[in-house]
Amino acid sequence: MKKDLFKYLDPVVEGLNIDKKKNLIDGLAKKIVDMGMVAPSIIFLETVKPITTISSYTLLLFVAPYLELFGKNGFEYVAFFKERSNVESLLKRIEELSKEEEKRG
């Protein structure tokens, strides 16, 4: 049953190779640091980290009709947040960029 329910997301998850994950992490982290949203983002990501799989499927359920506006990239973001390790990597990258920003400025 579960396999049928989420069959549309699974190919996207399997299609996220290391390079795509790295690009998503770098892009998201840079946007967060550039917007000055480091602290709120870290708090939010740490809060939702334990329920990432459920959250990604819930997001897919409610946002799926609008993901076409973002192309395949929208599905890639949903698939990205399905795995807790990706959230951990994103948090680390945000902290790294934040420290680099503090040293420069």
PDB file of N, CA and C in Angstrom:
ATOM      1  N   MET A   1       0.823  -1.202   0.000  1.00  0.00           N
ATOM      2  CA  MET A   1       0.000   0.000   0.000  1.00  0.00           C
ATOM      3  C   MET A   1       0.865   1.263   0.000  1.00  0.00           C
ATOM      4  N   LYS A   2       1.849   1.303   0.891  1.00  0.00           N
ATOM      5  CA  LYS A   2       2.707   2.482   0.976  1.00  0.00           C
ATOM      6  C   LYS A   2       3.423   2.722  -0.343  1.00  0.00           C
ATOM      7  N   LYS A   3       3.867   1.674  -0.978  1.00  0.00           N
ATOM      8  CA  LYS A   3       4.588   1.810  -2.237  1.00  0.00           C
ATOM      9  C   LYS A   3       3.714   2.466  -3.305  1.00  0.00           C
ATOM     10  N   ASP A   4       2.435   2.089  -3.355  1.00  0.00           N
ATOM     11  CA  ASP A   4       1.522   2.677  -4.333  1.00  0.00           C
ATOM     12  C   ASP A   4       1.229   4.134  -4.020  1.00  0.00           C
ATOM     13  N   LEU A   5       1.109   4.428  -2.739  1.00  0.00           N
ATOM     14  CA  LEU A   5       0.729   5.775  -2.325  1.00  0.00           C
ATOM     15  C   LEU A   5       1.808   6.803  -2.690  1.00  0.00           C
ATOM     16  N   PHE A   6       3.058   6.425  -2.565  1.00  0.00           N
ATOM     17  CA  PHE A   6       4.140   7.375  -2.782  1.00  0.00           C
ATOM     18  C   PHE A   6       4.966   7.061  -4.030  1.00  0.00           C
ATOM     19  N   LYS A   7       4.361   6.374  -4.991  1.00  0.00           N
ATOM     20  CA  LYS A   7       5.100   5.967  -6.185  1.00  0.00           C
ATOM     21  C   LYS A   7       5.580   7.146  -7.023  1.00  0.00           C
ATOM     22  N   TYR A   8       4.942   8.297  -6.882  1.00  0.00           N
ATOM     23  CA  TYR A   8       5.346   9.453  -7.682  1.00  0.00           C
ATOM     24  C   TYR A   8       6.581  10.141  -7.115  1.00  0.00           C
ATOM     25  N   LEU A   9       6.794  10.014  -5.826  1.00  0.00           N
ATOM     26  CA  LEU A   9       7.944  10.659  -5.211  1.00  0.00           C
ATOM     27  C   LEU A   9       9.187   9.781  -5.273  1.00  0.00           C
ATOM     28  N   ASP A  10       9.036   8.476  -5.212  1.00  0.00           N
ATOM     29  CA  ASP A  10      10.177   7.578  -5.167  1.00  0.00           C
ATOM     30  C   ASP A  10      11.139   7.728  -6.347  1.00  0.00           C
ATOM     31  N   PRO A  11      10.671   7.848  -7.595  1.00  0.00           N
ATOM     32  CA  PRO A  11      11.635   8.038  -8.693  1.00  0.00           C
ATOM     33  C   PRO A  11      12.423   9.338  -8.561  1.00  0.00           C
ATOM     34  N   VAL A  12      11.809  10.340  -7.991  1.00  0.00           N
ATOM     35  CA  VAL A  12      12.514  11.609  -7.801  1.00  0.00           C
ATOM     36  C   VAL A  12      13.606  11.438  -6.760  1.00  0.00           C
ATOM     37  N   VAL A  13      13.292  10.725  -5.673  1.00  0.00           N
ATOM     38  CA  VAL A  13      14.284  10.491  -4.628  1.00  0.00           C
ATOM     39  C   VAL A  13      15.454   9.698  -5.185  1.00  0.00           C
ATOM     40  N   GLU A  14      15.155   8.661  -5.948  1.00  0.00           N
ATOM     41  CA  GLU A  14      16.210   7.842  -6.525  1.00  0.00           C
ATOM     42  C   GLU A  14      17.040   8.630  -7.537  1.00  0.00           C
ATOM     43  N   GLY A  15      16.447   9.658  -8.143  1.00  0.00           N
ATOM     44  CA  GLY A  15      17.149  10.465  -9.128  1.00  0.00           C
ATOM     45  C   GLY A  15      18.027  11.543  -8.533  1.00  0.00           C
ATOM     46  N   LEU A  16      17.954  11.729  -7.227  1.00  0.00           N
ATOM     47  CA  LEU A  16      18.797  12.741  -6.584  1.00  0.00           C
ATOM     48  C   LEU A  16      20.175  12.147  -6.316  1.00  0.00           C
ATOM     49  N   ASN A  17      21.103  12.398  -7.225  1.00  0.00           N
ATOM     50  CA  ASN A  17      22.448  11.904  -7.003  1.00  0.00           C
ATOM     51  C   ASN A  17      23.215  12.871  -6.107  1.00  0.00           C
ATOM     52  N   ILE A  18      24.443  12.542  -5.831  1.00  0.00           N
ATOM     53  CA  ILE A  18      25.253  13.337  -4.904  1.00  0.00           C
ATOM     54  C   ILE A  18      25.420  14.767  -5.397  1.00  0.00           C
ATOM     55  N   ASP A  19      25.630  14.949  -6.689  1.00  0.00           N
ATOM     56  CA  ASP A  19      25.810  16.300  -7.232  1.00  0.00           C
ATOM     57  C   ASP A  19      24.553  17.147  -7.071  1.00  0.00           C
ATOM     58  N   LYS A  20      23.383  16.559  -7.347  1.00  0.00           N
ATOM     59  CA  LYS A  20      22.134  17.308  -7.191  1.00  0.00           C
ATOM     60  C   LYS A  20      21.901  17.680  -5.735  1.00  0.00           C
ATOM     61  N   LYS A  21      22.178  16.738  -4.832  1.00  0.00           N
ATOM     62  CA  LYS A  21      22.015  17.026  -3.403  1.00  0.00           C
ATOM     63  C   LYS A  21      22.943  18.155  -2.977  1.00  0.00           C
ATOM     64  N   LYS A  22      24.187  18.092  -3.454  1.00  0.00           N
ATOM     65  CA  LYS A  22      25.159  19.129  -3.098  1.00  0.00           C
ATOM     66  C   LYS A  22      24.726  20.494  -3.640  1.00  0.00           C
ATOM     67  N   ASN A  23      24.216  20.521  -4.869  1.00  0.00           N
ATOM     68  CA  ASN A  23      23.735  21.775  -5.447  1.00  0.00           C
ATOM     69  C   ASN A  23      22.545  22.332  -4.670  1.00  0.00           C
ATOM     70  N   LEU A  24      21.613  21.465  -4.283  1.00  0.00           N
ATOM     71  CA  LEU A  24      20.469  21.909  -3.501  1.00  0.00           C
ATOM     72  C   LEU A  24      20.909  22.451  -2.148  1.00  0.00           C
ATOM     73  N   ILE A  25      21.839  21.756  -1.507  1.00  0.00           N
ATOM     74  CA  ILE A  25      22.336  22.199  -0.198  1.00  0.00           C
ATOM     75  C   ILE A  25      23.022  23.546  -0.325  1.00  0.00           C
ATOM     76  N   ASP A  26      23.918  23.688  -1.289  1.00  0.00           N
ATOM     77  CA  ASP A  26      24.634  24.957  -1.458  1.00  0.00           C
ATOM     78  C   ASP A  26      23.677  26.096  -1.798  1.00  0.00           C
ATOM     79  N   GLY A  27      22.742  25.835  -2.708  1.00  0.00           N
ATOM     80  CA  GLY A  27      21.798  26.877  -3.102  1.00  0.00           C
ATOM     81  C   GLY A  27      20.920  27.333  -1.951  1.00  0.00           C
ATOM     82  N   LEU A  28      20.363  26.383  -1.216  1.00  0.00           N
ATOM     83  CA  LEU A  28      19.510  26.736  -0.075  1.00  0.00           C
ATOM     84  C   LEU A  28      20.306  27.454   1.005  1.00  0.00           C
ATOM     85  N   ALA A  29      21.490  26.932   1.317  1.00  0.00           N
ATOM     86  CA  ALA A  29      22.305  27.537   2.372  1.00  0.00           C
ATOM     87  C   ALA A  29      22.710  28.969   2.012  1.00  0.00           C
ATOM     88  N   LYS A  30      23.094  29.199   0.760  1.00  0.00           N
ATOM     89  CA  LYS A  30      23.488  30.550   0.339  1.00  0.00           C
ATOM     90  C   LYS A  30      22.313  31.517   0.428  1.00  0.00           C
ATOM     91  N   LYS A  31      21.126  31.078   0.009  1.00  0.00           N
ATOM     92  CA  LYS A  31      19.953  31.943   0.091  1.00  0.00           C
ATOM     93  C   LYS A  31      19.633  32.286   1.542  1.00  0.00           C
ATOM     94  N   ILE A  32      19.720  31.300   2.408  1.00  0.00           N
ATOM     95  CA  ILE A  32      19.413  31.521   3.824  1.00  0.00           C
ATOM     96  C   ILE A  32      20.391  32.509   4.438  1.00  0.00           C
ATOM     97  N   VAL A  33      21.677  32.345   4.171  1.00  0.00           N
ATOM     98  CA  VAL A  33      22.696  33.242   4.735  1.00  0.00           C
ATOM     99  C   VAL A  33      22.569  34.634   4.126  1.00  0.00           C
ATOM    100  N   ASP A  34      22.350  34.728   2.820  1.00  0.00           N
ATOM    101  CA  ASP A  34      22.209  36.031   2.164  1.00  0.00           C
ATOM    102  C   ASP A  34      21.012  36.817   2.685  1.00  0.00           C
ATOM    103  N   MET A  35      19.936  36.103   3.018  1.00  0.00           N
ATOM    104  CA  MET A  35      18.730  36.764   3.527  1.00  0.00           C
ATOM    105  C   MET A  35      18.817  37.071   5.022  1.00  0.00           C
ATOM    106  N   GLY A  36      19.876  36.617   5.682  1.00  0.00           N
ATOM    107  CA  GLY A  36      20.029  36.860   7.105  1.00  0.00           C
ATOM    108  C   GLY A  36      19.081  36.033   7.964  1.00  0.00           C
ATOM    109  N   MET A  37      18.711  34.868   7.459  1.00  0.00           N
ATOM    110  CA  MET A  37      17.738  34.018   8.161  1.00  0.00           C
ATOM    111  C   MET A  37      18.409  32.795   8.779  1.00  0.00           C
ATOM    112  N   VAL A  38      19.650  32.925   9.221  1.00  0.00           N
ATOM    113  CA  VAL A  38      20.403  31.783   9.736  1.00  0.00           C
ATOM    114  C   VAL A  38      19.760  31.221  10.999  1.00  0.00           C
ATOM    115  N   ALA A  39      19.556  32.056  11.998  1.00  0.00           N
ATOM    116  CA  ALA A  39      19.008  31.566  13.272  1.00  0.00           C
ATOM    117  C   ALA A  39      17.605  30.973  13.121  1.00  0.00           C
ATOM    118  N   PRO A  40      16.663  31.676  12.470  1.00  0.00           N
ATOM    119  CA  PRO A  40      15.333  31.067  12.320  1.00  0.00           C
ATOM    120  C   PRO A  40      15.357  29.768  11.518  1.00  0.00           C
ATOM    121  N   SER A  41      16.223  29.704  10.511  1.00  0.00           N
ATOM    122  CA  SER A  41      16.305  28.493   9.692  1.00  0.00           C
ATOM    123  C   SER A  41      16.845  27.316  10.490  1.00  0.00           C
ATOM    124  N   ILE A  42      17.874  27.574  11.292  1.00  0.00           N
ATOM    125  CA  ILE A  42      18.439  26.503  12.114  1.00  0.00           C
ATOM    126  C   ILE A  42      17.407  26.004  13.117  1.00  0.00           C
ATOM    127  N   ILE A  43      16.701  26.928  13.749  1.00  0.00           N
ATOM    128  CA  ILE A  43      15.662  26.529  14.708  1.00  0.00           C
ATOM    129  C   ILE A  43      14.584  25.704  14.013  1.00  0.00           C
ATOM    130  N   PHE A  44      14.127  26.158  12.859  1.00  0.00           N
ATOM    131  CA  PHE A  44      13.079  25.446  12.129  1.00  0.00           C
ATOM    132  C   PHE A  44      13.551  24.063  11.691  1.00  0.00           C
ATOM    133  N   LEU A  45      14.745  23.992  11.094  1.00  0.00           N
ATOM    134  CA  LEU A  45      15.245  22.704  10.598  1.00  0.00           C
ATOM    135  C   LEU A  45      15.499  21.718  11.735  1.00  0.00           C
ATOM    136  N   GLU A  46      16.016  22.201  12.859  1.00  0.00           N
ATOM    137  CA  GLU A  46      16.222  21.323  14.011  1.00  0.00           C
ATOM    138  C   GLU A  46      14.882  20.824  14.561  1.00  0.00           C
ATOM    139  N   THR A  47      13.860  21.659  14.474  1.00  0.00           N
ATOM    140  CA  THR A  47      12.541  21.286  14.977  1.00  0.00           C
ATOM    141  C   THR A  47      11.895  20.211  14.112  1.00  0.00           C
ATOM    142  N   VAL A  48      11.995  20.340  12.803  1.00  0.00           N
ATOM    143  CA  VAL A  48      11.326  19.392  11.905  1.00  0.00           C
ATOM    144  C   VAL A  48      12.191  18.190  11.531  1.00  0.00           C
ATOM    145  N   LYS A  49      13.451  18.200  11.922  1.00  0.00           N
ATOM    146  CA  LYS A  49      14.355  17.108  11.549  1.00  0.00           C
ATOM    147  C   LYS A  49      13.830  15.728  11.961  1.00  0.00           C
ATOM    148  N   PRO A  50      13.263  15.545  13.145  1.00  0.00           N
ATOM    149  CA  PRO A  50      12.788  14.204  13.513  1.00  0.00           C
ATOM    150  C   PRO A  50      11.617  13.694  12.660  1.00  0.00           C
ATOM    151  N   ILE A  51      10.902  14.578  12.020  1.00  0.00           N
ATOM    152  CA  ILE A  51       9.724  14.155  11.252  1.00  0.00           C
ATOM    153  C   ILE A  51       9.869  14.483   9.767  1.00  0.00           C
ATOM    154  N   THR A  52      11.095  14.456   9.266  1.00  0.00           N
ATOM    155  CA  THR A  52      11.323  14.867   7.874  1.00  0.00           C
ATOM    156  C   THR A  52      10.579  14.008   6.868  1.00  0.00           C
ATOM    157  N   THR A  53      10.550  12.705   7.075  1.00  0.00           N
ATOM    158  CA  THR A  53       9.881  11.827   6.108  1.00  0.00           C
ATOM    159  C   THR A  53       8.397  12.117   6.050  1.00  0.00           C
ATOM    160  N   ILE A  54       7.771  12.206   7.203  1.00  0.00           N
ATOM    161  CA  ILE A  54       6.340  12.506   7.253  1.00  0.00           C
ATOM    162  C   ILE A  54       6.073  13.888   6.683  1.00  0.00           C
ATOM    163  N   SER A  55       6.923  14.839   7.024  1.00  0.00           N
ATOM    164  CA  SER A  55       6.734  16.211   6.544  1.00  0.00           C
ATOM    165  C   SER A  55       6.844  16.304   5.027  1.00  0.00           C
ATOM    166  N   SER A  56       7.793  15.567   4.454  1.00  0.00           N
ATOM    167  CA  SER A  56       7.955  15.643   3.003  1.00  0.00           C
ATOM    168  C   SER A  56       6.739  15.075   2.291  1.00  0.00           C
ATOM    169  N   TYR A  57       6.173  13.995   2.803  1.00  0.00           N
ATOM    170  CA  TYR A  57       4.976  13.429   2.190  1.00  0.00           C
ATOM    171  C   TYR A  57       3.765  14.337   2.389  1.00  0.00           C
ATOM    172  N   THR A  58       3.688  14.972   3.541  1.00  0.00           N
ATOM    173  CA  THR A  58       2.595  15.913   3.786  1.00  0.00           C
ATOM    174  C   THR A  58       2.721  17.115   2.852  1.00  0.00           C
ATOM    175  N   LEU A  59       3.933  17.607   2.705  1.00  0.00           N
ATOM    176  CA  LEU A  59       4.187  18.710   1.780  1.00  0.00           C
ATOM    177  C   LEU A  59       3.796  18.314   0.367  1.00  0.00           C
ATOM    178  N   LEU A  60       4.156  17.112  -0.018  1.00  0.00           N
ATOM    179  CA  LEU A  60       3.805  16.634  -1.350  1.00  0.00           C
ATOM    180  C   LEU A  60       2.292  16.580  -1.528  1.00  0.00           C
ATOM    181  N   LEU A  61       1.596  16.146  -0.507  1.00  0.00           N
ATOM    182  CA  LEU A  61       0.147  16.027  -0.571  1.00  0.00           C
ATOM    183  C   LEU A  61      -0.525  17.385  -0.792  1.00  0.00           C
ATOM    184  N   PHE A  62      -0.100  18.390  -0.042  1.00  0.00           N
ATOM    185  CA  PHE A  62      -0.766  19.687  -0.109  1.00  0.00           C
ATOM    186  C   PHE A  62      -0.215  20.634  -1.168  1.00  0.00           C
ATOM    187  N   VAL A  63       1.029  20.425  -1.556  1.00  0.00           N
ATOM    188  CA  VAL A  63       1.682  21.354  -2.473  1.00  0.00           C
ATOM    189  C   VAL A  63       1.824  20.776  -3.881  1.00  0.00           C
ATOM    190  N   ALA A  64       1.534  19.504  -4.049  1.00  0.00           N
ATOM    191  CA  ALA A  64       1.735  18.831  -5.346  1.00  0.00           C
ATOM    192  C   ALA A  64       1.132  19.586  -6.532  1.00  0.00           C
ATOM    193  N   PRO A  65      -0.078  20.140  -6.421  1.00  0.00           N
ATOM    194  CA  PRO A  65      -0.614  20.848  -7.592  1.00  0.00           C
ATOM    195  C   PRO A  65       0.209  22.072  -8.002  1.00  0.00           C
ATOM    196  N   TYR A  66       0.959  22.625  -7.064  1.00  0.00           N
ATOM    197  CA  TYR A  66       1.719  23.843  -7.348  1.00  0.00           C
ATOM    198  C   TYR A  66       3.170  23.562  -7.732  1.00  0.00           C
ATOM    199  N   LEU A  67       3.623  22.326  -7.544  1.00  0.00           N
ATOM    200  CA  LEU A  67       5.008  21.997  -7.852  1.00  0.00           C
ATOM    201  C   LEU A  67       5.307  22.092  -9.341  1.00  0.00           C
ATOM    202  N   GLU A  68       4.286  21.967 -10.173  1.00  0.00           N
ATOM    203  CA  GLU A  68       4.476  22.116 -11.613  1.00  0.00           C
ATOM    204  C   GLU A  68       4.986  23.522 -11.955  1.00  0.00           C
ATOM    205  N   LEU A  69       4.641  24.492 -11.136  1.00  0.00           N
ATOM    206  CA  LEU A  69       5.113  25.865 -11.361  1.00  0.00           C
ATOM    207  C   LEU A  69       6.631  25.962 -11.236  1.00  0.00           C
ATOM    208  N   PHE A  70       7.212  25.091 -10.406  1.00  0.00           N
ATOM    209  CA  PHE A  70       8.651  25.106 -10.178  1.00  0.00           C
ATOM    210  C   PHE A  70       9.378  24.077 -11.034  1.00  0.00           C
ATOM    211  N   GLY A  71       8.631  23.340 -11.844  1.00  0.00           N
ATOM    212  CA  GLY A  71       9.232  22.293 -12.659  1.00  0.00           C
ATOM    213  C   GLY A  71       9.648  21.118 -11.789  1.00  0.00           C
ATOM    214  N   LYS A  72      10.576  20.345 -12.277  1.00  0.00           N
ATOM    215  CA  LYS A  72      11.042  19.184 -11.521  1.00  0.00           C
ATOM    216  C   LYS A  72      11.766  19.612 -10.257  1.00  0.00           C
ATOM    217  N   ASN A  73      12.284  20.808 -10.236  1.00  0.00           N
ATOM    218  CA  ASN A  73      13.014  21.299  -9.081  1.00  0.00           C
ATOM    219  C   ASN A  73      12.149  21.277  -7.821  1.00  0.00           C
ATOM    220  N   GLY A  74      10.865  21.536  -7.948  1.00  0.00           N
ATOM    221  CA  GLY A  74       9.972  21.493  -6.795  1.00  0.00           C
ATOM    222  C   GLY A  74       9.907  20.109  -6.194  1.00  0.00           C
ATOM    223  N   PHE A  75       9.799  19.094  -7.053  1.00  0.00           N
ATOM    224  CA  PHE A  75       9.788  17.722  -6.561  1.00  0.00           C
ATOM    225  C   PHE A  75      11.136  17.342  -5.958  1.00  0.00           C
ATOM    226  N   GLU A  76      12.211  17.890  -6.503  1.00  0.00           N
ATOM    227  CA  GLU A  76      13.532  17.598  -5.954  1.00  0.00           C
ATOM    228  C   GLU A  76      13.664  18.145  -4.538  1.00  0.00           C
ATOM    229  N   TYR A  77      13.118  19.326  -4.281  1.00  0.00           N
ATOM    230  CA  TYR A  77      13.152  19.869  -2.926  1.00  0.00           C
ATOM    231  C   TYR A  77      12.358  19.001  -1.957  1.00  0.00           C
ATOM    232  N   VAL A  78      11.197  18.541  -2.387  1.00  0.00           N
ATOM    233  CA  VAL A  78      10.387  17.668  -1.531  1.00  0.00           C
ATOM    234  C   VAL A  78      11.139  16.368  -1.261  1.00  0.00           C
ATOM    235  N   ALA A  79      11.726  15.795  -2.305  1.00  0.00           N
ATOM    236  CA  ALA A  79      12.489  14.553  -2.143  1.00  0.00           C
ATOM    237  C   ALA A  79      13.722  14.772  -1.277  1.00  0.00           C
ATOM    238  N   PHE A  80      14.326  15.935  -1.402  1.00  0.00           N
ATOM    239  CA  PHE A  80      15.514  16.262  -0.613  1.00  0.00           C
ATOM    240  C   PHE A  80      15.202  16.208   0.875  1.00  0.00           C
ATOM    241  N   PHE A  81      14.062  16.762   1.262  1.00  0.00           N
ATOM    242  CA  PHE A  81      13.712  16.819   2.675  1.00  0.00           C
ATOM    243  C   PHE A  81      13.142  15.502   3.202  1.00  0.00           C
ATOM    244  N   LYS A  82      13.058  14.508   2.349  1.00  0.00           N
ATOM    245  CA  LYS A  82      12.590  13.194   2.791  1.00  0.00           C
ATOM    246  C   LYS A  82      13.631  12.508   3.671  1.00  0.00           C
ATOM    247  N   GLU A  83      14.895  12.790   3.452  1.00  0.00           N
ATOM    248  CA  GLU A  83      15.980  12.127   4.179  1.00  0.00           C
ATOM    249  C   GLU A  83      16.561  13.048   5.255  1.00  0.00           C
ATOM    250  N   ARG A  84      16.634  12.532   6.447  1.00  0.00           N
ATOM    251  CA  ARG A  84      17.153  13.304   7.579  1.00  0.00           C
ATOM    252  C   ARG A  84      18.615  13.695   7.379  1.00  0.00           C
ATOM    253  N   SER A  85      19.389  12.841   6.729  1.00  0.00           N
ATOM    254  CA  SER A  85      20.809  13.143   6.511  1.00  0.00           C
ATOM    255  C   SER A  85      20.987  14.392   5.640  1.00  0.00           C
ATOM    256  N   ASN A  86      20.059  14.624   4.724  1.00  0.00           N
ATOM    257  CA  ASN A  86      20.126  15.834   3.894  1.00  0.00           C
ATOM    258  C   ASN A  86      19.907  17.084   4.732  1.00  0.00           C
ATOM    259  N   VAL A  87      19.000  17.001   5.692  1.00  0.00           N
ATOM    260  CA  VAL A  87      18.746  18.140   6.576  1.00  0.00           C
ATOM    261  C   VAL A  87      19.979  18.416   7.432  1.00  0.00           C
ATOM    262  N   GLU A  88      20.619  17.343   7.905  1.00  0.00           N
ATOM    263  CA  GLU A  88      21.856  17.509   8.680  1.00  0.00           C
ATOM    264  C   GLU A  88      22.929  18.203   7.839  1.00  0.00           C
ATOM    265  N   SER A  89      23.072  17.774   6.597  1.00  0.00           N
ATOM    266  CA  SER A  89      24.066  18.381   5.702  1.00  0.00           C
ATOM    267  C   SER A  89      23.751  19.846   5.441  1.00  0.00           C
ATOM    268  N   LEU A  90      22.480  20.153   5.282  1.00  0.00           N
ATOM    269  CA  LEU A  90      22.066  21.535   5.070  1.00  0.00           C
ATOM    270  C   LEU A  90      22.394  22.389   6.284  1.00  0.00           C
ATOM    271  N   LEU A  91      22.109  21.878   7.475  1.00  0.00           N
ATOM    272  CA  LEU A  91      22.424  22.618   8.703  1.00  0.00           C
ATOM    273  C   LEU A  91      23.922  22.894   8.817  1.00  0.00           C
ATOM    274  N   LYS A  92      24.735  21.896   8.519  1.00  0.00           N
ATOM    275  CA  LYS A  92      26.191  22.079   8.580  1.00  0.00           C
ATOM    276  C   LYS A  92      26.653  23.134   7.585  1.00  0.00           C
ATOM    277  N   ARG A  93      26.093  23.090   6.374  1.00  0.00           N
ATOM    278  CA  ARG A  93      26.491  24.055   5.336  1.00  0.00           C
ATOM    279  C   ARG A  93      26.065  25.468   5.708  1.00  0.00           C
ATOM    280  N   ILE A  94      24.886  25.616   6.295  1.00  0.00           N
ATOM    281  CA  ILE A  94      24.431  26.938   6.742  1.00  0.00           C
ATOM    282  C   ILE A  94      25.391  27.486   7.788  1.00  0.00           C
ATOM    283  N   GLU A  95      25.795  26.649   8.733  1.00  0.00           N
ATOM    284  CA  GLU A  95      26.717  27.090   9.777  1.00  0.00           C
ATOM    285  C   GLU A  95      28.079  27.457   9.201  1.00  0.00           C
ATOM    286  N   GLU A  96      28.558  26.672   8.233  1.00  0.00           N
ATOM    287  CA  GLU A  96      29.840  26.978   7.592  1.00  0.00           C
ATOM    288  C   GLU A  96      29.792  28.323   6.877  1.00  0.00           C
ATOM    289  N   LEU A  97      28.748  28.536   6.066  1.00  0.00           N
ATOM    290  CA  LEU A  97      28.633  29.798   5.346  1.00  0.00           C
ATOM    291  C   LEU A  97      28.442  30.978   6.282  1.00  0.00           C
ATOM    292  N   SER A  98      27.736  30.751   7.369  1.00  0.00           N
ATOM    293  CA  SER A  98      27.524  31.814   8.350  1.00  0.00           C
ATOM    294  C   SER A  98      28.847  32.237   8.990  1.00  0.00           C
ATOM    295  N   LYS A  99      29.682  31.262   9.321  1.00  0.00           N
ATOM    296  CA  LYS A  99      30.983  31.570   9.911  1.00  0.00           C
ATOM    297  C   LYS A  99      31.880  32.296   8.907  1.00  0.00           C
ATOM    298  N   GLU A 100      31.832  31.871   7.644  1.00  0.00           N
ATOM    299  CA  GLU A 100      32.606  32.555   6.599  1.00  0.00           C
ATOM    300  C   GLU A 100      32.147  34.001   6.441  1.00  0.00           C
ATOM    301  N   GLU A 101      30.828  34.212   6.500  1.00  0.00           N
ATOM    302  CA  GLU A 101      30.256  35.551   6.380  1.00  0.00           C
ATOM    303  C   GLU A 101      30.692  36.442   7.534  1.00  0.00           C
ATOM    304  N   GLU A 102      30.738  35.875   8.742  1.00  0.00           N
ATOM    305  CA  GLU A 102      31.166  36.647   9.914  1.00  0.00           C
ATOM    306  C   GLU A 102      32.632  37.059   9.802  1.00  0.00           C
ATOM    307  N   LYS A 103      33.473  36.186   9.278  1.00  0.00           N
ATOM    308  CA  LYS A 103      34.896  36.488   9.113  1.00  0.00           C
ATOM    309  C   LYS A 103      35.115  37.608   8.101  1.00  0.00           C
ATOM    310  N   ARG A 104      34.294  37.606   7.037  1.00  0.00           N
ATOM    311  CA  ARG A 104      34.426  38.625   5.995  1.00  0.00           C
ATOM    312  C   ARG A 104      33.882  39.983   6.439  1.00  0.00           C
ATOM    313  N   GLY A 105      32.801  39.945   7.176  1.00  0.00           N
ATOM    314  CA  GLY A 105      32.100  41.193   7.441  1.00  0.00           C
ATOM    315  C   GLY A 105      32.205  41.661   8.814  1.00  0.00           C
TER     316      GLY A 105
END
